[in-house]
């Protein structure tokens, strides 16, 4: 049964110190608890320091049908938050002490009866980092964390990545990372790098039940700054990329 989990994140491919000022990634996934009840989980990653607002609390999740009609929505409370250890992929380099990332985890439950075509779930937030050089106007480009629940019989959980990439990667050095995932039902998984979705913008940076239809699916992709594209995501600078798992 097809399901989709999208993990989006920003990689720092440089030995130089660059400073983040906005959200740097996240993931949205769900677990089926029986009786049409789903546990919805969201993790958002951001910079610790440079003038960013607090994490959304609660976080707003829109839920649409397969025809992009809003069915309902859900507010998720924060259940945990912490900083990410400053790991780097080389013992020869010391991670910068003035760059820090933190995460917030959200969780809640909702009843979603089987529906032809299933459901689409999305969390959207403004904005990305001005130092990103592979998309157009990143300071006004939001993010969308997205997951789908299949149509009837919708009795599955979606796959979950087992770990995240390190926050720092050294330019010119080999990078090996186990990006495996697990599926509760043992279904086969397909990986691909896909085009990231745009989300909220500076006009409406935080969505709620009154503004959600301004950013309803089909979601718009970010616009890559030439010569960047999905086969050429970055070159020693901040970049944005997206992993899709089905």
C-alpha atoms as a PDB file:
ATOM      1  CA  UNK A   1       0.000   0.000   0.000  1.00  0.00           C
ATOM      2  CA  UNK A   2       1.512   3.301  -1.066  1.00  0.00           C
ATOM      3  CA  UNK A   3       2.369   5.838   1.556  1.00  0.00           C
ATOM      4  CA  UNK A   4       4.602   8.876   1.449  1.00  0.00           C
ATOM      5  CA  UNK A   5       6.833  10.446   4.067  1.00  0.00           C
ATOM      6  CA  UNK A   6       8.818  13.547   3.199  1.00  0.00           C
ATOM      7  CA  UNK A   7      11.865  14.558   5.156  1.00  0.00           C
ATOM      8  CA  UNK A   8      13.308  17.937   4.289  1.00  0.00           C
ATOM      9  CA  UNK A   9      16.526  19.364   5.646  1.00  0.00           C
ATOM     10  CA  UNK A  10      19.341  21.788   4.933  1.00  0.00           C
ATOM     11  CA  UNK A  11      22.924  20.649   4.663  1.00  0.00           C
ATOM     12  CA  UNK A  12      25.966  22.784   5.385  1.00  0.00           C
ATOM     13  CA  UNK A  13      28.606  21.675   2.872  1.00  0.00           C
ATOM     14  CA  UNK A  14      31.423  23.927   3.954  1.00  0.00           C
ATOM     15  CA  UNK A  15      34.323  24.290   6.330  1.00  0.00           C
ATOM     16  CA  UNK A  16      33.372  27.914   6.920  1.00  0.00           C
ATOM     17  CA  UNK A  17      30.993  29.195   9.577  1.00  0.00           C
ATOM     18  CA  UNK A  18      27.643  30.282   8.212  1.00  0.00           C
ATOM     19  CA  UNK A  19      24.747  31.480  10.289  1.00  0.00           C
ATOM     20  CA  UNK A  20      21.168  30.230  10.119  1.00  0.00           C
ATOM     21  CA  UNK A  21      18.232  32.452  10.979  1.00  0.00           C
ATOM     22  CA  UNK A  22      15.208  30.270  10.186  1.00  0.00           C
ATOM     23  CA  UNK A  23      13.759  26.772  10.102  1.00  0.00           C
ATOM     24  CA  UNK A  24      16.190  24.206   8.731  1.00  0.00           C
ATOM     25  CA  UNK A  25      14.064  21.083   8.365  1.00  0.00           C
ATOM     26  CA  UNK A  26      11.511  18.660   9.691  1.00  0.00           C
ATOM     27  CA  UNK A  27       9.344  15.599   9.133  1.00  0.00           C
ATOM     28  CA  UNK A  28       5.673  14.679   9.446  1.00  0.00           C
ATOM     29  CA  UNK A  29       4.526  11.099   9.921  1.00  0.00           C
ATOM     30  CA  UNK A  30       1.708   9.085  11.451  1.00  0.00           C
ATOM     31  CA  UNK A  31       1.034   5.818  13.270  1.00  0.00           C
ATOM     32  CA  UNK A  32      -2.216   3.862  13.035  1.00  0.00           C
ATOM     33  CA  UNK A  33      -3.564   2.987  16.505  1.00  0.00           C
ATOM     34  CA  UNK A  34      -6.683   1.089  15.433  1.00  0.00           C
ATOM     35  CA  UNK A  35     -10.363   2.088  15.325  1.00  0.00           C
ATOM     36  CA  UNK A  36      -9.612   4.779  12.703  1.00  0.00           C
ATOM     37  CA  UNK A  37      -7.392   6.637  15.198  1.00  0.00           C
ATOM     38  CA  UNK A  38      -4.066   8.016  13.970  1.00  0.00           C
ATOM     39  CA  UNK A  39      -1.220   9.415  16.026  1.00  0.00           C
ATOM     40  CA  UNK A  40       0.218  12.357  14.086  1.00  0.00           C
ATOM     41  CA  UNK A  41       3.864  13.211  14.800  1.00  0.00           C
ATOM     42  CA  UNK A  42       5.821  16.254  13.682  1.00  0.00           C
ATOM     43  CA  UNK A  43       9.453  17.234  14.249  1.00  0.00           C
ATOM     44  CA  UNK A  44      10.710  20.713  13.327  1.00  0.00           C
ATOM     45  CA  UNK A  45      14.374  21.778  13.277  1.00  0.00           C
ATOM     46  CA  UNK A  46      15.661  25.340  13.459  1.00  0.00           C
ATOM     47  CA  UNK A  47      18.586  27.539  14.373  1.00  0.00           C
ATOM     48  CA  UNK A  48      19.073  28.220  18.099  1.00  0.00           C
ATOM     49  CA  UNK A  49      20.418  31.724  17.984  1.00  0.00           C
ATOM     50  CA  UNK A  50      19.909  34.299  15.319  1.00  0.00           C
ATOM     51  CA  UNK A  51      16.656  36.111  15.930  1.00  0.00           C
ATOM     52  CA  UNK A  52      14.201  33.362  15.117  1.00  0.00           C
ATOM     53  CA  UNK A  53      10.779  33.310  16.826  1.00  0.00           C
ATOM     54  CA  UNK A  54       9.894  30.508  19.237  1.00  0.00           C
ATOM     55  CA  UNK A  55       8.665  27.185  17.910  1.00  0.00           C
ATOM     56  CA  UNK A  56       4.983  27.127  17.085  1.00  0.00           C
ATOM     57  CA  UNK A  57       3.093  25.861  20.113  1.00  0.00           C
ATOM     58  CA  UNK A  58       0.796  24.372  19.094  1.00  0.00           C
ATOM     59  CA  UNK A  59       1.643  23.487  15.487  1.00  0.00           C
ATOM     60  CA  UNK A  60      -1.170  23.609  12.951  1.00  0.00           C
ATOM     61  CA  UNK A  61      -1.726  20.589  10.661  1.00  0.00           C
ATOM     62  CA  UNK A  62      -4.092  20.798   7.686  1.00  0.00           C
ATOM     63  CA  UNK A  63      -5.860  17.643   6.483  1.00  0.00           C
ATOM     64  CA  UNK A  64      -7.259  17.441   2.933  1.00  0.00           C
ATOM     65  CA  UNK A  65      -8.883  14.744   0.826  1.00  0.00           C
ATOM     66  CA  UNK A  66      -7.476  13.459  -2.468  1.00  0.00           C
ATOM     67  CA  UNK A  67      -9.311  16.258  -4.310  1.00  0.00           C
ATOM     68  CA  UNK A  68      -7.484  18.942  -2.270  1.00  0.00           C
ATOM     69  CA  UNK A  69     -10.574  19.850  -0.245  1.00  0.00           C
ATOM     70  CA  UNK A  70      -9.923  20.729   3.384  1.00  0.00           C
ATOM     71  CA  UNK A  71     -11.553  18.090   5.595  1.00  0.00           C
ATOM     72  CA  UNK A  72     -10.346  19.087   9.034  1.00  0.00           C
ATOM     73  CA  UNK A  73      -7.297  20.327  10.910  1.00  0.00           C
ATOM     74  CA  UNK A  74      -5.363  19.482  14.024  1.00  0.00           C
ATOM     75  CA  UNK A  75      -3.346  21.476  16.555  1.00  0.00           C
ATOM     76  CA  UNK A  76      -0.365  19.540  17.921  1.00  0.00           C
ATOM     77  CA  UNK A  77       1.295  20.474  21.244  1.00  0.00           C
ATOM     78  CA  UNK A  78       5.045  20.303  21.799  1.00  0.00           C
ATOM     79  CA  UNK A  79       5.948  17.149  23.719  1.00  0.00           C
ATOM     80  CA  UNK A  80       9.754  17.554  23.732  1.00  0.00           C
ATOM     81  CA  UNK A  81      12.499  19.923  22.607  1.00  0.00           C
ATOM     82  CA  UNK A  82      16.283  19.915  22.796  1.00  0.00           C
ATOM     83  CA  UNK A  83      19.449  20.884  20.957  1.00  0.00           C
ATOM     84  CA  UNK A  84      21.130  18.670  18.349  1.00  0.00           C
ATOM     85  CA  UNK A  85      24.689  17.492  19.166  1.00  0.00           C
ATOM     86  CA  UNK A  86      27.235  19.331  16.956  1.00  0.00           C
ATOM     87  CA  UNK A  87      28.539  16.202  15.195  1.00  0.00           C
ATOM     88  CA  UNK A  88      30.883  16.551  12.205  1.00  0.00           C
ATOM     89  CA  UNK A  89      31.951  13.850   9.752  1.00  0.00           C
ATOM     90  CA  UNK A  90      35.693  14.236  10.292  1.00  0.00           C
ATOM     91  CA  UNK A  91      37.855  13.943  13.427  1.00  0.00           C
ATOM     92  CA  UNK A  92      40.179  16.542  11.894  1.00  0.00           C
ATOM     93  CA  UNK A  93      37.711  19.407  12.233  1.00  0.00           C
ATOM     94  CA  UNK A  94      35.982  20.928  15.242  1.00  0.00           C
ATOM     95  CA  UNK A  95      32.351  21.999  14.778  1.00  0.00           C
ATOM     96  CA  UNK A  96      31.810  25.773  15.118  1.00  0.00           C
ATOM     97  CA  UNK A  97      30.703  26.763  18.605  1.00  0.00           C
ATOM     98  CA  UNK A  98      28.522  29.657  17.431  1.00  0.00           C
ATOM     99  CA  UNK A  99      26.232  27.529  15.260  1.00  0.00           C
ATOM    100  CA  UNK A 100      23.506  25.575  17.024  1.00  0.00           C
ATOM    101  CA  UNK A 101      20.406  23.666  16.017  1.00  0.00           C
ATOM    102  CA  UNK A 102      17.428  22.590  18.063  1.00  0.00           C
ATOM    103  CA  UNK A 103      14.285  20.583  17.493  1.00  0.00           C
ATOM    104  CA  UNK A 104      10.724  20.426  18.764  1.00  0.00           C
ATOM    105  CA  UNK A 105       8.618  17.275  18.658  1.00  0.00           C
ATOM    106  CA  UNK A 106       4.840  17.423  18.448  1.00  0.00           C
ATOM    107  CA  UNK A 107       2.262  14.672  18.758  1.00  0.00           C
ATOM    108  CA  UNK A 108      -1.501  14.237  18.902  1.00  0.00           C
ATOM    109  CA  UNK A 109      -4.292  11.910  17.786  1.00  0.00           C
ATOM    110  CA  UNK A 110      -7.206  12.275  15.425  1.00  0.00           C
ATOM    111  CA  UNK A 111      -9.976  10.007  14.142  1.00  0.00           C
ATOM    112  CA  UNK A 112      -9.993   9.702  10.332  1.00  0.00           C
ATOM    113  CA  UNK A 113     -12.480   7.182   8.930  1.00  0.00           C
ATOM    114  CA  UNK A 114     -11.584   5.420   5.662  1.00  0.00           C
ATOM    115  CA  UNK A 115     -12.154   7.686   2.675  1.00  0.00           C
ATOM    116  CA  UNK A 116     -11.757   7.001  -1.065  1.00  0.00           C
ATOM    117  CA  UNK A 117      -8.394   8.438  -2.087  1.00  0.00           C
ATOM    118  CA  UNK A 118      -7.292   8.823   1.529  1.00  0.00           C
ATOM    119  CA  UNK A 119      -5.978  11.979   3.141  1.00  0.00           C
ATOM    120  CA  UNK A 120      -3.197  14.527   2.693  1.00  0.00           C
ATOM    121  CA  UNK A 121      -1.516  16.007   5.783  1.00  0.00           C
ATOM    122  CA  UNK A 122       0.612  19.145   5.772  1.00  0.00           C
ATOM    123  CA  UNK A 123       2.484  21.448   8.154  1.00  0.00           C
ATOM    124  CA  UNK A 124       3.551  24.746   6.589  1.00  0.00           C
ATOM    125  CA  UNK A 125       5.762  27.485   7.973  1.00  0.00           C
ATOM    126  CA  UNK A 126       7.741  30.529   6.862  1.00  0.00           C
ATOM    127  CA  UNK A 127      10.652  30.763   6.155  1.00  0.00           C
ATOM    128  CA  UNK A 128      14.076  29.542   5.079  1.00  0.00           C
ATOM    129  CA  UNK A 129      17.550  31.033   5.376  1.00  0.00           C
ATOM    130  CA  UNK A 130      18.899  34.002   3.421  1.00  0.00           C
ATOM    131  CA  UNK A 131      22.256  32.249   2.948  1.00  0.00           C
ATOM    132  CA  UNK A 132      20.712  29.443   0.881  1.00  0.00           C
ATOM    133  CA  UNK A 133      22.046  29.876  -2.628  1.00  0.00           C
ATOM    134  CA  UNK A 134      20.238  27.195  -4.602  1.00  0.00           C
ATOM    135  CA  UNK A 135      16.653  28.556  -4.448  1.00  0.00           C
ATOM    136  CA  UNK A 136      15.171  31.906  -5.438  1.00  0.00           C
ATOM    137  CA  UNK A 137      14.360  34.410  -2.645  1.00  0.00           C
ATOM    138  CA  UNK A 138      14.759  31.977   0.286  1.00  0.00           C
ATOM    139  CA  UNK A 139      13.722  34.543   2.923  1.00  0.00           C
ATOM    140  CA  UNK A 140      10.191  34.474   1.485  1.00  0.00           C
ATOM    141  CA  UNK A 141      10.061  30.740   0.792  1.00  0.00           C
ATOM    142  CA  UNK A 142       8.328  28.558   3.346  1.00  0.00           C
ATOM    143  CA  UNK A 143       8.389  24.838   3.976  1.00  0.00           C
ATOM    144  CA  UNK A 144       5.776  22.108   3.812  1.00  0.00           C
ATOM    145  CA  UNK A 145       6.147  18.828   5.713  1.00  0.00           C
ATOM    146  CA  UNK A 146       3.805  16.392   3.995  1.00  0.00           C
ATOM    147  CA  UNK A 147       2.423  12.877   4.460  1.00  0.00           C
ATOM    148  CA  UNK A 148      -0.389  10.881   2.871  1.00  0.00           C
ATOM    149  CA  UNK A 149      -2.779   8.333   4.336  1.00  0.00           C
ATOM    150  CA  UNK A 150      -4.017   5.881   1.687  1.00  0.00           C
ATOM    151  CA  UNK A 151      -7.648   5.242   0.889  1.00  0.00           C
ATOM    152  CA  UNK A 152      -9.789   2.446   2.248  1.00  0.00           C
ATOM    153  CA  UNK A 153      -8.731   0.262   3.909  1.00  0.00           C
ATOM    154  CA  UNK A 154      -6.372   2.790   5.540  1.00  0.00           C
ATOM    155  CA  UNK A 155      -4.925   0.703   8.349  1.00  0.00           C
ATOM    156  CA  UNK A 156      -1.192   1.328   7.944  1.00  0.00           C
ATOM    157  CA  UNK A 157       1.436   3.531   9.537  1.00  0.00           C
ATOM    158  CA  UNK A 158       3.945   5.256   7.314  1.00  0.00           C
ATOM    159  CA  UNK A 159       7.698   4.538   7.359  1.00  0.00           C
ATOM    160  CA  UNK A 160      10.048   6.448   9.633  1.00  0.00           C
ATOM    161  CA  UNK A 161      13.708   7.314   9.074  1.00  0.00           C
ATOM    162  CA  UNK A 162      15.907   5.729  11.737  1.00  0.00           C
ATOM    163  CA  UNK A 163      18.281   8.704  12.073  1.00  0.00           C
ATOM    164  CA  UNK A 164      19.089  12.128  10.688  1.00  0.00           C
ATOM    165  CA  UNK A 165      22.206  13.352   8.869  1.00  0.00           C
ATOM    166  CA  UNK A 166      24.829  15.162  10.962  1.00  0.00           C
ATOM    167  CA  UNK A 167      24.347  18.939  11.038  1.00  0.00           C
ATOM    168  CA  UNK A 168      27.863  19.622   9.691  1.00  0.00           C
ATOM    169  CA  UNK A 169      29.595  18.096   6.652  1.00  0.00           C
ATOM    170  CA  UNK A 170      33.126  18.982   5.542  1.00  0.00           C
ATOM    171  CA  UNK A 171      33.700  20.058   1.953  1.00  0.00           C
ATOM    172  CA  UNK A 172      36.043  17.816  -0.001  1.00  0.00           C
ATOM    173  CA  UNK A 173      35.625  14.811   2.295  1.00  0.00           C
ATOM    174  CA  UNK A 174      33.666  11.649   1.600  1.00  0.00           C
ATOM    175  CA  UNK A 175      30.307  11.516   3.289  1.00  0.00           C
ATOM    176  CA  UNK A 176      28.687   8.169   4.119  1.00  0.00           C
ATOM    177  CA  UNK A 177      25.360   8.063   5.909  1.00  0.00           C
ATOM    178  CA  UNK A 178      22.874   5.290   6.669  1.00  0.00           C
ATOM    179  CA  UNK A 179      19.570   6.800   5.558  1.00  0.00           C
ATOM    180  CA  UNK A 180      17.545   3.652   6.194  1.00  0.00           C
ATOM    181  CA  UNK A 181      13.962   3.638   7.427  1.00  0.00           C
ATOM    182  CA  UNK A 182      11.653   1.173   9.113  1.00  0.00           C
ATOM    183  CA  UNK A 183       8.065   0.278   8.309  1.00  0.00           C
ATOM    184  CA  UNK A 184       5.784  -1.099  10.981  1.00  0.00           C
ATOM    185  CA  UNK A 185       4.075  -3.459   8.541  1.00  0.00           C
ATOM    186  CA  UNK A 186       7.301  -4.529   6.826  1.00  0.00           C
ATOM    187  CA  UNK A 187       6.259  -3.070   3.460  1.00  0.00           C
ATOM    188  CA  UNK A 188       8.860  -2.439   0.763  1.00  0.00           C
ATOM    189  CA  UNK A 189      10.204   1.129   0.607  1.00  0.00           C
ATOM    190  CA  UNK A 190      11.275   3.324  -2.289  1.00  0.00           C
ATOM    191  CA  UNK A 191      13.641   6.301  -1.825  1.00  0.00           C
ATOM    192  CA  UNK A 192      14.186   9.304  -4.029  1.00  0.00           C
ATOM    193  CA  UNK A 193      15.368  12.911  -3.848  1.00  0.00           C
ATOM    194  CA  UNK A 194      12.385  15.046  -4.801  1.00  0.00           C
ATOM    195  CA  UNK A 195      11.646  18.713  -5.285  1.00  0.00           C
ATOM    196  CA  UNK A 196      10.936  20.447  -1.938  1.00  0.00           C
ATOM    197  CA  UNK A 197       7.585  22.123  -1.424  1.00  0.00           C
ATOM    198  CA  UNK A 198       7.168  25.807  -0.735  1.00  0.00           C
ATOM    199  CA  UNK A 199       4.873  26.749   2.150  1.00  0.00           C
ATOM    200  CA  UNK A 200       3.855  29.847   4.047  1.00  0.00           C
ATOM    201  CA  UNK A 201       5.508  33.203   3.291  1.00  0.00           C
ATOM    202  CA  UNK A 202       6.246  36.472   5.070  1.00  0.00           C
ATOM    203  CA  UNK A 203       2.689  37.719   4.512  1.00  0.00           C
ATOM    204  CA  UNK A 204       1.206  34.718   6.352  1.00  0.00           C
ATOM    205  CA  UNK A 205       4.120  33.084   8.198  1.00  0.00           C
ATOM    206  CA  UNK A 206       2.019  30.919  10.552  1.00  0.00           C
ATOM    207  CA  UNK A 207      -1.124  29.180   9.321  1.00  0.00           C
ATOM    208  CA  UNK A 208      -4.359  28.539  11.206  1.00  0.00           C
ATOM    209  CA  UNK A 209      -7.931  27.521  10.389  1.00  0.00           C
ATOM    210  CA  UNK A 210      -8.605  30.958   8.877  1.00  0.00           C
ATOM    211  CA  UNK A 211      -5.621  31.025   6.506  1.00  0.00           C
ATOM    212  CA  UNK A 212      -5.039  27.367   5.660  1.00  0.00           C
ATOM    213  CA  UNK A 213      -6.868  27.525   2.324  1.00  0.00           C
ATOM    214  CA  UNK A 214      -4.346  30.096   1.113  1.00  0.00           C
ATOM    215  CA  UNK A 215      -1.813  27.272   0.891  1.00  0.00           C
ATOM    216  CA  UNK A 216      -3.969  24.253   0.061  1.00  0.00           C
ATOM    217  CA  UNK A 217      -2.615  21.447  -2.124  1.00  0.00           C
ATOM    218  CA  UNK A 218      -1.438  20.922  -4.756  1.00  0.00           C
ATOM    219  CA  UNK A 219       1.584  22.433  -3.047  1.00  0.00           C
ATOM    220  CA  UNK A 220       3.997  24.524  -5.078  1.00  0.00           C
ATOM    221  CA  UNK A 221       7.609  23.467  -5.472  1.00  0.00           C
ATOM    222  CA  UNK A 222      10.458  25.786  -4.535  1.00  0.00           C
ATOM    223  CA  UNK A 223      12.103  27.488  -7.498  1.00  0.00           C
ATOM    224  CA  UNK A 224      15.742  26.520  -7.895  1.00  0.00           C
ATOM    225  CA  UNK A 225      18.263  29.235  -8.698  1.00  0.00           C
ATOM    226  CA  UNK A 226      20.046  28.287 -11.954  1.00  0.00           C
ATOM    227  CA  UNK A 227      22.239  26.313 -12.447  1.00  0.00           C
ATOM    228  CA  UNK A 228      20.928  24.321  -9.443  1.00  0.00           C
ATOM    229  CA  UNK A 229      18.369  21.537  -9.793  1.00  0.00           C
ATOM    230  CA  UNK A 230      17.649  18.119  -8.286  1.00  0.00           C
ATOM    231  CA  UNK A 231      20.790  16.666  -9.856  1.00  0.00           C
ATOM    232  CA  UNK A 232      22.957  19.608  -8.745  1.00  0.00           C
ATOM    233  CA  UNK A 233      21.730  20.653  -5.306  1.00  0.00           C
ATOM    234  CA  UNK A 234      24.704  22.383  -3.744  1.00  0.00           C
ATOM    235  CA  UNK A 235      28.279  23.544  -3.986  1.00  0.00           C
ATOM    236  CA  UNK A 236      29.997  24.357  -0.675  1.00  0.00           C
ATOM    237  CA  UNK A 237      27.220  26.482   0.747  1.00  0.00           C
ATOM    238  CA  UNK A 238      23.802  26.249   2.321  1.00  0.00           C
ATOM    239  CA  UNK A 239      21.394  24.230   0.203  1.00  0.00           C
ATOM    240  CA  UNK A 240      17.931  22.802   0.452  1.00  0.00           C
ATOM    241  CA  UNK A 241      16.965  19.266  -0.519  1.00  0.00           C
ATOM    242  CA  UNK A 242      14.146  16.826   0.076  1.00  0.00           C
ATOM    243  CA  UNK A 243      14.026  13.058   0.656  1.00  0.00           C
ATOM    244  CA  UNK A 244      10.820  11.260  -0.294  1.00  0.00           C
ATOM    245  CA  UNK A 245      10.038   7.814   1.096  1.00  0.00           C
ATOM    246  CA  UNK A 246       7.169   5.744  -0.277  1.00  0.00           C
END
